[in-house]
Amino acid sequence: ERMHCLDLLPYRDRLTWLTRAKQALRSQLSEIEAKRDNVTCDYEILIAEGIIASTIARIDWLDRAFVSIVQMHNNDTEAISRSDEVSVNRSHGL
């Protein structure tokens, strides 16, 4: 739900949000792994491993989202820069 509104945030705030979300998931992952190590029931171990796998997948997704946002920002910045160059050249008759 929050991800749907991420594009409403300024660029740096998007990166901050993703970083904090990843930190929170890493903290949860540590807690889950610690609990799993103390579980003796096979079924509970399977449940914990499923939660761990899901959490790792979410962390990986946040990493991909971070890279994607940086790349989109860089592409937009380059496009604006090229557009500014064209405008300057036109204004100088080039």
C-alpha atoms as a PDB file:
ATOM      1  CA  GLU A   1       0.000   0.000   0.000  1.00  0.00           C
ATOM      2  CA  ARG A   2       2.713   2.463   0.902  1.00  0.00           C
ATOM      3  CA  MET A   3       4.689   1.563  -2.200  1.00  0.00           C
ATOM      4  CA  HIS A   4       1.849   2.844  -4.388  1.00  0.00           C
ATOM      5  CA  CYS A   5       2.453   6.343  -3.022  1.00  0.00           C
ATOM      6  CA  LEU A   6       6.241   6.205  -3.158  1.00  0.00           C
ATOM      7  CA  ASP A   7       6.380   8.187  -6.385  1.00  0.00           C
ATOM      8  CA  LEU A   8       4.646  11.071  -4.610  1.00  0.00           C
ATOM      9  CA  LEU A   9       7.715  11.548  -2.415  1.00  0.00           C
ATOM     10  CA  PRO A  10      10.746  13.575  -3.444  1.00  0.00           C
ATOM     11  CA  TYR A  11      13.652  11.485  -4.755  1.00  0.00           C
ATOM     12  CA  ARG A  12      15.751  11.491  -1.562  1.00  0.00           C
ATOM     13  CA  ASP A  13      12.708  10.681   0.596  1.00  0.00           C
ATOM     14  CA  ARG A  14      11.984   7.648  -1.604  1.00  0.00           C
ATOM     15  CA  LEU A  15      15.499   6.354  -1.037  1.00  0.00           C
ATOM     16  CA  THR A  16      15.229   7.031   2.683  1.00  0.00           C
ATOM     17  CA  TRP A  17      11.912   5.172   2.883  1.00  0.00           C
ATOM     18  CA  LEU A  18      13.354   2.156   1.058  1.00  0.00           C
ATOM     19  CA  THR A  19      16.443   2.147   3.265  1.00  0.00           C
ATOM     20  CA  ARG A  20      14.373   2.264   6.455  1.00  0.00           C
ATOM     21  CA  ALA A  21      12.043  -0.453   5.206  1.00  0.00           C
ATOM     22  CA  LYS A  22      15.041  -2.651   4.452  1.00  0.00           C
ATOM     23  CA  GLN A  23      16.528  -1.996   7.898  1.00  0.00           C
ATOM     24  CA  ALA A  24      13.235  -2.947   9.540  1.00  0.00           C
ATOM     25  CA  LEU A  25      13.064  -6.177   7.533  1.00  0.00           C
ATOM     26  CA  ARG A  26      16.660  -7.049   8.413  1.00  0.00           C
ATOM     27  CA  SER A  27      15.822  -6.556  12.079  1.00  0.00           C
ATOM     28  CA  GLN A  28      12.767  -8.800  11.727  1.00  0.00           C
ATOM     29  CA  LEU A  29      14.881 -11.358   9.898  1.00  0.00           C
ATOM     30  CA  SER A  30      17.373 -11.499  12.763  1.00  0.00           C
ATOM     31  CA  GLU A  31      14.562 -12.016  15.257  1.00  0.00           C
ATOM     32  CA  ILE A  32      12.957 -14.766  13.186  1.00  0.00           C
ATOM     33  CA  GLU A  33      16.273 -16.550  12.698  1.00  0.00           C
ATOM     34  CA  ALA A  34      16.950 -16.426  16.444  1.00  0.00           C
ATOM     35  CA  LYS A  35      13.508 -17.869  17.194  1.00  0.00           C
ATOM     36  CA  ARG A  36      13.950 -20.570  14.553  1.00  0.00           C
ATOM     37  CA  ASP A  37      17.178 -21.671  16.213  1.00  0.00           C
ATOM     38  CA  ASN A  38      15.244 -22.343  19.435  1.00  0.00           C
ATOM     39  CA  VAL A  39      12.365 -24.259  17.839  1.00  0.00           C
ATOM     40  CA  THR A  40      12.270 -28.037  18.099  1.00  0.00           C
ATOM     41  CA  CYS A  41       9.086 -28.890  16.234  1.00  0.00           C
ATOM     42  CA  ASP A  42       9.668 -29.682  12.551  1.00  0.00           C
ATOM     43  CA  TYR A  43       6.451 -27.906  11.540  1.00  0.00           C
ATOM     44  CA  GLU A  44       7.453 -24.705  13.347  1.00  0.00           C
ATOM     45  CA  ILE A  45      10.887 -24.860  11.720  1.00  0.00           C
ATOM     46  CA  LEU A  46       9.213 -25.073   8.297  1.00  0.00           C
ATOM     47  CA  ILE A  47       7.020 -22.094   9.143  1.00  0.00           C
ATOM     48  CA  ALA A  48      10.032 -20.070  10.303  1.00  0.00           C
ATOM     49  CA  GLU A  49      11.986 -20.978   7.165  1.00  0.00           C
ATOM     50  CA  GLY A  50       9.059 -19.875   5.015  1.00  0.00           C
ATOM     51  CA  ILE A  51       8.909 -16.543   6.818  1.00  0.00           C
ATOM     52  CA  ILE A  52      12.681 -16.170   6.457  1.00  0.00           C
ATOM     53  CA  ALA A  53      12.547 -16.904   2.714  1.00  0.00           C
ATOM     54  CA  SER A  54       9.692 -14.427   2.264  1.00  0.00           C
ATOM     55  CA  THR A  55      11.521 -11.737   4.229  1.00  0.00           C
ATOM     56  CA  ILE A  56      14.700 -12.243   2.207  1.00  0.00           C
ATOM     57  CA  ALA A  57      12.655 -11.953  -0.999  1.00  0.00           C
ATOM     58  CA  ARG A  58      11.168  -8.678   0.249  1.00  0.00           C
ATOM     59  CA  ILE A  59      14.648  -7.335   1.073  1.00  0.00           C
ATOM     60  CA  ASP A  60      15.860  -8.329  -2.399  1.00  0.00           C
ATOM     61  CA  TRP A  61      12.851  -6.586  -3.946  1.00  0.00           C
ATOM     62  CA  LEU A  62      13.613  -3.402  -1.976  1.00  0.00           C
ATOM     63  CA  ASP A  63      17.187  -3.550  -3.297  1.00  0.00           C
ATOM     64  CA  ARG A  64      15.889  -3.812  -6.870  1.00  0.00           C
ATOM     65  CA  ALA A  65      13.425  -0.963  -6.265  1.00  0.00           C
ATOM     66  CA  PHE A  66      16.236   1.214  -4.883  1.00  0.00           C
ATOM     67  CA  VAL A  67      18.433   0.593  -7.939  1.00  0.00           C
ATOM     68  CA  SER A  68      15.501   1.174 -10.284  1.00  0.00           C
ATOM     69  CA  ILE A  69      14.594   4.496  -8.657  1.00  0.00           C
ATOM     70  CA  VAL A  70      18.217   5.673  -8.834  1.00  0.00           C
ATOM     71  CA  GLN A  71      18.429   4.670 -12.508  1.00  0.00           C
ATOM     72  CA  MET A  72      15.137   6.405 -13.359  1.00  0.00           C
ATOM     73  CA  HIS A  73      16.312   9.527 -11.532  1.00  0.00           C
ATOM     74  CA  ASN A  74      19.622   9.487 -13.401  1.00  0.00           C
ATOM     75  CA  ASN A  75      17.848   8.992 -16.736  1.00  0.00           C
ATOM     76  CA  ASP A  76      15.473  11.870 -15.981  1.00  0.00           C
ATOM     77  CA  THR A  77      18.384  14.093 -14.937  1.00  0.00           C
ATOM     78  CA  GLU A  78      20.271  13.272 -18.146  1.00  0.00           C
ATOM     79  CA  ALA A  79      17.176  13.965 -20.269  1.00  0.00           C
ATOM     80  CA  ILE A  80      16.660  17.339 -18.583  1.00  0.00           C
ATOM     81  CA  SER A  81      20.322  18.177 -19.078  1.00  0.00           C
ATOM     82  CA  ARG A  82      20.149  17.308 -22.791  1.00  0.00           C
ATOM     83  CA  SER A  83      16.948  19.327 -23.140  1.00  0.00           C
ATOM     84  CA  ASP A  84      18.632  22.323 -21.506  1.00  0.00           C
ATOM     85  CA  GLU A  85      21.583  21.996 -23.903  1.00  0.00           C
ATOM     86  CA  VAL A  86      19.250  21.982 -26.908  1.00  0.00           C
ATOM     87  CA  SER A  87      17.452  25.066 -25.579  1.00  0.00           C
ATOM     88  CA  VAL A  88      20.731  26.916 -25.057  1.00  0.00           C
ATOM     89  CA  ASN A  89      21.954  25.948 -28.542  1.00  0.00           C
ATOM     90  CA  ARG A  90      18.700  27.129 -30.141  1.00  0.00           C
ATOM     91  CA  SER A  91      18.805  30.419 -28.284  1.00  0.00           C
ATOM     92  CA  HIS A  92      22.328  30.982 -29.611  1.00  0.00           C
ATOM     93  CA  GLY A  93      21.425  29.955 -33.158  1.00  0.00           C
ATOM     94  CA  LEU A  94      23.413  26.739 -33.066  1.00  0.00           C
END
